[in-house]
N, C-alpha and C. Protein backbone atom coordinates (compact mmCIF):
# COMPACT_ATOMS: atom_id res chain seq x y z
N MET A 1 69.86 68.07 141.01
CA MET A 1 68.42 68.13 140.12
C MET A 1 67.45 68.57 140.96
N GLY A 2 66.45 68.85 140.78
CA GLY A 2 65.21 69.02 141.89
C GLY A 2 64.53 67.40 141.40
N ASP A 3 63.83 67.72 142.57
CA ASP A 3 62.51 66.16 142.66
C ASP A 3 62.06 65.85 141.43
N ASN A 4 61.52 66.85 140.81
CA ASN A 4 60.89 66.64 139.47
C ASN A 4 61.51 66.70 137.99
N GLY A 5 63.12 66.86 138.04
CA GLY A 5 63.99 66.93 137.13
C GLY A 5 64.19 68.12 136.50
N ILE A 6 63.84 69.23 137.10
CA ILE A 6 64.41 70.59 136.38
C ILE A 6 65.59 71.25 137.83
N VAL A 7 66.18 71.41 136.70
CA VAL A 7 67.78 71.71 137.51
C VAL A 7 67.40 73.45 137.97
N THR A 8 67.54 73.77 139.49
CA THR A 8 67.55 74.99 139.82
C THR A 8 68.83 75.76 140.14
N ILE A 9 68.47 77.30 140.13
CA ILE A 9 69.93 78.14 139.91
C ILE A 9 70.76 77.65 141.33
N THR A 10 69.93 77.15 142.15
CA THR A 10 70.90 76.81 143.59
C THR A 10 72.09 75.74 143.31
N GLU A 11 71.52 74.69 142.68
CA GLU A 11 72.46 73.74 142.15
C GLU A 11 73.51 74.06 141.65
N THR A 12 73.19 74.27 140.18
CA THR A 12 74.72 74.55 139.72
C THR A 12 75.09 76.18 139.59
N GLY A 13 74.77 76.89 140.24
CA GLY A 13 75.15 78.45 140.85
C GLY A 13 75.00 79.32 139.33
N ASN A 14 74.70 78.61 138.27
CA ASN A 14 74.26 79.78 137.15
C ASN A 14 72.72 79.30 136.43
N ILE A 15 72.27 80.26 135.59
CA ILE A 15 71.26 79.66 135.08
C ILE A 15 71.23 78.74 133.88
N PRO A 16 70.68 77.66 133.80
CA PRO A 16 70.56 76.62 132.35
C PRO A 16 70.28 77.51 131.28
N ASP A 17 70.96 77.06 130.21
CA ASP A 17 70.99 77.57 128.80
C ASP A 17 69.80 76.84 128.29
N GLY A 18 68.69 77.17 127.79
CA GLY A 18 67.92 76.32 127.11
C GLY A 18 67.84 76.14 125.84
N ARG A 19 67.25 75.55 124.99
CA ARG A 19 67.34 75.16 123.58
C ARG A 19 67.27 76.53 122.83
N PRO A 20 68.18 77.13 121.64
CA PRO A 20 68.22 78.34 121.12
C PRO A 20 66.80 78.34 120.38
N LYS A 21 66.34 79.61 120.06
CA LYS A 21 65.53 79.80 119.52
C LYS A 21 65.36 79.62 117.95
N SER A 22 66.51 79.88 117.38
CA SER A 22 66.61 79.31 116.25
C SER A 22 66.92 78.19 115.87
N GLY A 23 67.21 77.16 116.93
CA GLY A 23 67.24 75.91 116.84
C GLY A 23 68.60 75.17 116.62
N ARG A 24 69.47 75.94 116.35
CA ARG A 24 70.75 75.93 116.06
C ARG A 24 72.03 75.69 117.63
N VAL A 25 71.63 74.55 117.47
CA VAL A 25 72.17 74.13 118.82
C VAL A 25 73.71 73.89 119.07
N TRP A 26 74.39 74.22 117.90
CA TRP A 26 75.84 73.85 117.70
C TRP A 26 76.50 74.95 117.82
N LYS A 27 75.92 76.31 117.98
CA LYS A 27 76.22 77.43 118.47
C LYS A 27 76.82 78.06 119.78
N VAL A 28 77.99 78.60 119.51
CA VAL A 28 78.58 78.76 121.03
C VAL A 28 78.00 80.11 121.44
N LYS A 29 77.57 80.14 122.87
CA LYS A 29 76.77 80.92 123.73
C LYS A 29 77.82 82.19 123.53
N LYS A 30 77.61 83.34 123.48
CA LYS A 30 79.04 84.52 123.56
C LYS A 30 78.83 84.68 124.92
N THR A 31 80.37 85.01 125.49
CA THR A 31 80.44 85.32 126.42
C THR A 31 81.13 86.76 126.42
N VAL A 32 81.31 87.45 125.66
CA VAL A 32 82.01 88.70 125.38
C VAL A 32 81.46 89.51 124.51
N ARG A 33 80.88 90.80 124.81
CA ARG A 33 80.24 91.51 123.58
C ARG A 33 81.18 91.67 122.70
N THR A 34 80.50 91.76 121.53
CA THR A 34 80.99 91.79 120.05
C THR A 34 81.98 92.98 120.18
N SER A 35 81.20 93.98 120.26
CA SER A 35 82.00 95.69 120.50
C SER A 35 83.09 95.45 121.36
N ALA A 36 83.21 95.05 122.44
CA ALA A 36 84.11 94.63 123.20
C ALA A 36 85.46 93.87 122.58
N HIS A 37 84.91 93.23 121.29
CA HIS A 37 86.36 92.18 120.63
C HIS A 37 87.40 93.09 120.09
N CYS A 38 86.95 94.16 119.21
CA CYS A 38 87.71 95.17 118.34
C CYS A 38 87.23 96.36 118.42
N ARG A 39 87.96 97.39 119.20
CA ARG A 39 87.59 98.52 119.36
C ARG A 39 88.51 99.39 118.25
N LYS A 40 87.47 100.07 117.65
CA LYS A 40 88.00 101.03 116.33
C LYS A 40 87.81 102.12 116.83
N GLY A 41 88.36 103.34 116.30
CA GLY A 41 87.95 104.61 116.15
C GLY A 41 88.52 105.04 117.66
N VAL A 42 87.80 105.90 118.09
CA VAL A 42 87.88 106.48 119.46
C VAL A 42 88.71 105.80 120.28
N LEU A 43 88.14 104.60 120.76
CA LEU A 43 88.91 103.65 121.16
C LEU A 43 89.57 102.78 121.33
N SER A 44 90.02 102.76 120.01
CA SER A 44 91.36 101.84 119.70
C SER A 44 92.48 101.71 120.79
N HIS A 45 92.71 102.63 121.52
CA HIS A 45 94.00 102.78 122.42
C HIS A 45 93.32 101.90 123.44
N LEU A 46 92.06 101.42 123.85
CA LEU A 46 92.24 100.75 124.86
C LEU A 46 92.29 99.31 124.45
N ALA A 47 92.20 98.81 123.44
CA ALA A 47 92.40 97.53 122.79
C ALA A 47 93.32 96.84 123.11
N LYS A 48 94.40 97.66 123.39
CA LYS A 48 96.20 96.88 123.84
C LYS A 48 96.51 97.63 125.20
N THR A 49 97.68 97.36 126.01
CA THR A 49 98.19 97.60 127.17
C THR A 49 98.91 98.77 126.32
N PHE A 50 99.82 99.75 127.20
CA PHE A 50 100.86 100.21 127.05
C PHE A 50 101.81 99.67 126.52
N ASP A 51 102.36 98.80 127.50
CA ASP A 51 103.63 98.21 126.91
C ASP A 51 103.30 97.08 125.72
N GLU A 52 102.22 96.72 125.19
CA GLU A 52 102.06 95.89 124.11
C GLU A 52 102.41 96.93 123.10
N ARG A 53 101.87 98.28 123.14
CA ARG A 53 102.03 99.64 121.83
C ARG A 53 103.21 99.69 122.05
N GLN A 54 104.09 99.83 123.02
CA GLN A 54 105.44 100.08 123.14
C GLN A 54 106.47 98.93 122.08
N ALA A 55 106.18 97.91 122.58
CA ALA A 55 106.79 96.86 121.99
C ALA A 55 106.19 96.85 120.71
N ILE A 56 105.34 96.67 119.84
CA ILE A 56 104.69 96.98 118.67
C ILE A 56 105.50 98.13 118.06
N ARG A 57 105.65 99.20 118.79
CA ARG A 57 106.20 100.93 118.15
C ARG A 57 107.54 100.28 118.04
N LEU A 58 108.73 99.62 118.93
CA LEU A 58 109.53 99.08 118.76
C LEU A 58 110.24 98.27 117.73
N LYS A 59 108.97 97.21 117.48
CA LYS A 59 109.34 96.10 116.33
C LYS A 59 109.17 96.62 115.42
N LEU A 60 108.31 97.60 115.04
CA LEU A 60 108.02 98.47 113.67
C LEU A 60 109.13 99.06 113.37
N SER A 61 109.78 99.83 114.36
CA SER A 61 110.92 101.03 114.18
C SER A 61 111.97 100.12 113.92
N LEU A 62 112.64 99.11 114.31
CA LEU A 62 113.20 97.85 113.85
C LEU A 62 113.35 97.28 112.56
N VAL A 63 112.19 96.87 112.13
CA VAL A 63 111.73 96.72 111.03
C VAL A 63 111.82 97.81 109.76
N LYS A 64 111.39 98.89 110.22
CA LYS A 64 112.06 100.48 109.25
C LYS A 64 113.66 100.62 109.19
N GLU A 65 114.29 100.37 110.31
CA GLU A 65 115.63 100.69 110.14
C GLU A 65 115.95 99.38 109.17
N VAL A 66 115.86 98.11 109.40
CA VAL A 66 116.47 97.48 108.46
C VAL A 66 116.08 97.85 106.90
N GLU A 67 114.93 97.58 106.65
CA GLU A 67 114.19 98.07 105.44
C GLU A 67 114.78 99.17 104.78
N LYS A 68 115.15 100.44 105.70
CA LYS A 68 115.91 101.23 105.18
C LYS A 68 117.39 100.98 104.86
N GLY A 69 117.94 100.21 105.59
CA GLY A 69 119.40 99.90 105.08
C GLY A 69 119.18 98.97 103.75
N MET A 70 118.45 98.14 103.67
CA MET A 70 118.50 97.61 102.25
C MET A 70 117.91 98.65 101.31
N LEU A 71 117.24 99.47 101.38
CA LEU A 71 117.18 100.34 100.37
C LEU A 71 118.48 100.87 99.97
N GLU A 72 119.19 101.27 101.43
CA GLU A 72 120.40 101.94 101.10
C GLU A 72 121.71 101.59 100.44
N ASN A 73 121.44 100.08 100.74
CA ASN A 73 122.33 99.12 100.01
C ASN A 73 122.12 99.19 98.48
N ARG A 74 121.00 98.63 98.45
CA ARG A 74 120.47 98.86 96.59
C ARG A 74 120.73 99.93 95.91
N LYS A 75 120.37 101.20 96.52
CA LYS A 75 120.72 102.35 95.87
C LYS A 75 122.36 102.49 95.72
N GLU A 76 123.00 102.17 96.50
CA GLU A 76 124.22 102.01 96.59
C GLU A 76 125.21 101.32 95.65
N ARG A 77 124.40 99.85 95.26
CA ARG A 77 124.51 99.09 94.38
C ARG A 77 124.62 99.67 92.77
N LYS A 78 123.47 100.28 92.67
CA LYS A 78 122.91 100.69 91.50
C LYS A 78 123.76 102.08 91.03
N ARG A 79 124.55 102.79 91.79
CA ARG A 79 125.04 103.62 91.72
C ARG A 79 126.67 103.42 91.24
N GLU A 80 127.18 102.24 91.82
CA GLU A 80 127.96 101.85 91.83
C GLU A 80 128.27 101.19 90.20
N ILE A 81 127.28 100.47 89.67
CA ILE A 81 127.09 100.20 88.37
C ILE A 81 126.81 101.21 87.51
N ARG A 82 126.33 102.34 87.89
CA ARG A 82 126.36 103.48 86.86
C ARG A 82 127.64 103.77 86.56
N ASN A 83 128.40 104.49 87.90
CA ASN A 83 129.71 104.64 87.74
C ASN A 83 130.63 103.65 86.87
N ARG A 84 130.18 102.62 87.17
CA ARG A 84 131.26 101.69 86.38
C ARG A 84 131.22 101.72 84.98
N THR A 85 129.53 101.80 84.68
CA THR A 85 129.51 102.09 82.88
C THR A 85 129.78 103.20 82.48
N ALA A 86 129.63 104.37 83.49
CA ALA A 86 130.18 105.65 82.50
C ALA A 86 131.82 105.79 82.60
N ASP A 87 132.22 104.82 83.40
CA ASP A 87 133.72 105.07 83.04
C ASP A 87 134.38 104.24 81.76
N LYS A 88 133.16 102.92 81.92
CA LYS A 88 133.52 102.03 80.59
C LYS A 88 133.90 102.83 79.59
N ASN A 89 132.41 103.61 79.68
CA ASN A 89 131.99 104.26 78.17
C ASN A 89 132.66 105.48 77.65
N LYS A 90 133.52 105.93 78.91
CA LYS A 90 134.51 107.08 78.36
C LYS A 90 135.78 106.16 78.15
N ARG A 91 136.34 105.33 78.72
CA ARG A 91 137.40 104.55 78.44
C ARG A 91 137.10 104.19 76.88
N ARG A 92 136.03 103.37 76.81
CA ARG A 92 135.84 103.34 75.27
C ARG A 92 136.26 104.43 74.01
N MET A 93 135.36 105.32 74.37
CA MET A 93 135.45 106.28 73.69
C MET A 93 136.82 107.18 73.28
N GLU A 94 137.74 107.07 74.39
CA GLU A 94 139.20 107.30 74.32
C GLU A 94 139.69 106.35 73.43
N ASN A 95 139.66 104.95 73.69
CA ASN A 95 140.36 104.11 73.32
C ASN A 95 140.03 104.40 71.47
N GLU A 96 138.59 104.88 71.03
CA GLU A 96 138.28 104.72 70.01
C GLU A 96 138.83 106.04 69.36
N TYR A 97 139.15 106.97 69.95
CA TYR A 97 139.76 108.39 69.90
C TYR A 97 140.92 107.98 69.25
N LYS A 98 141.92 106.98 69.83
CA LYS A 98 143.19 106.87 70.02
C LYS A 98 143.36 105.89 68.70
N ASN A 99 142.58 105.21 68.18
CA ASN A 99 142.48 104.51 67.47
C ASN A 99 142.29 104.86 66.39
N SER A 100 141.41 105.61 65.66
CA SER A 100 140.85 106.28 64.73
C SER A 100 141.51 107.06 63.58
N GLU A 101 141.23 106.66 62.80
CA GLU A 101 142.04 107.18 61.33
C GLU A 101 141.94 108.70 61.35
N TYR A 102 142.88 109.87 61.28
CA TYR A 102 142.49 111.17 61.63
C TYR A 102 143.87 111.96 60.59
N GLN A 103 143.03 112.90 59.67
CA GLN A 103 144.21 113.35 58.92
C GLN A 103 144.49 115.11 59.38
N VAL A 104 145.62 115.28 59.84
CA VAL A 104 146.82 116.66 60.24
C VAL A 104 146.17 117.32 59.29
N VAL A 105 145.08 118.42 59.31
CA VAL A 105 145.26 119.50 58.24
C VAL A 105 146.34 120.79 58.93
N LYS A 106 147.44 120.79 57.63
CA LYS A 106 148.61 121.51 57.62
C LYS A 106 148.02 123.24 57.51
N GLN A 107 147.00 122.90 56.43
CA GLN A 107 146.86 124.49 55.96
C GLN A 107 145.41 124.85 56.12
N SER A 108 145.30 125.93 57.19
CA SER A 108 143.87 125.75 57.53
C SER A 108 142.55 126.18 56.47
N LYS A 109 143.05 126.91 55.69
CA LYS A 109 141.97 127.37 54.27
C LYS A 109 141.51 126.25 53.95
N TYR A 110 141.99 125.03 54.09
CA TYR A 110 141.16 123.89 53.60
C TYR A 110 140.03 123.19 54.35
N ILE A 111 139.95 124.00 55.64
CA ILE A 111 139.24 123.19 56.65
C ILE A 111 137.66 123.79 56.70
N ILE A 112 137.70 125.18 55.76
CA ILE A 112 136.47 125.57 54.92
C ILE A 112 135.63 124.49 54.39
N GLN A 113 136.47 124.26 53.18
CA GLN A 113 136.32 123.58 52.31
C GLN A 113 135.98 122.02 52.32
N TYR A 114 136.33 121.56 53.93
CA TYR A 114 135.86 119.95 54.28
C TYR A 114 134.70 120.34 54.79
N PHE A 115 134.30 121.41 55.43
CA PHE A 115 132.82 121.63 56.37
C PHE A 115 131.95 121.95 55.23
N TYR A 116 132.03 122.58 53.77
CA TYR A 116 131.09 122.74 53.38
C TYR A 116 130.87 121.15 51.86
N VAL A 117 131.92 120.72 51.57
CA VAL A 117 131.74 119.24 51.22
C VAL A 117 130.92 118.47 52.36
N MET A 118 131.32 118.40 53.70
CA MET A 118 130.57 117.76 54.46
C MET A 118 129.18 117.92 54.43
N LEU A 119 128.87 119.45 54.85
CA LEU A 119 127.49 120.23 54.44
C LEU A 119 126.72 119.45 53.41
N ARG A 120 127.43 119.20 51.61
CA ARG A 120 126.94 118.99 50.27
C ARG A 120 126.55 117.18 50.63
N PHE A 121 127.58 117.07 51.72
CA PHE A 121 127.53 115.25 51.83
C PHE A 121 125.83 114.73 52.47
N LEU A 122 125.85 115.62 53.21
CA LEU A 122 124.79 115.44 54.95
C LEU A 122 123.36 115.71 53.69
N CYS A 123 123.14 117.05 53.05
CA CYS A 123 121.93 117.46 52.44
C CYS A 123 121.94 116.85 51.20
N CYS A 124 122.58 115.87 50.54
CA CYS A 124 122.09 115.27 49.54
C CYS A 124 121.61 113.80 49.80
N GLY A 125 121.37 113.31 51.24
CA GLY A 125 121.26 112.27 51.51
C GLY A 125 121.83 111.38 51.63
N CYS A 126 122.65 111.29 51.10
CA CYS A 126 124.24 110.21 51.04
C CYS A 126 124.75 109.75 52.46
N SER A 127 124.14 108.86 53.31
CA SER A 127 124.73 108.87 54.52
C SER A 127 125.33 107.30 54.92
């Protein structure tokens, strides 16, 4: 400090900060421009170094590979479930056909009569 209590530039090496005009003394003095904090748009490639960008790309590619593998596993499980269900339904239909009661028609002339009887049965609404 000088002889009259005023801080000079030569003693501290920098210009002393005065009271803020707004009166908000708790605010921190900015050291970096706001525009330099986050570069967007055309200058976004300058925000990170080349090595950082490469590391981020590698990390994202690994995450995408894991995600692709998980999706493939899920599709495979669904495909297996679908195939099992189809096989089960096929076996069930075959078993129903084997266990069903049916009448062997020895004379083919009766087939047409049965057909007309079934048509009458369906048309009259008796189901």
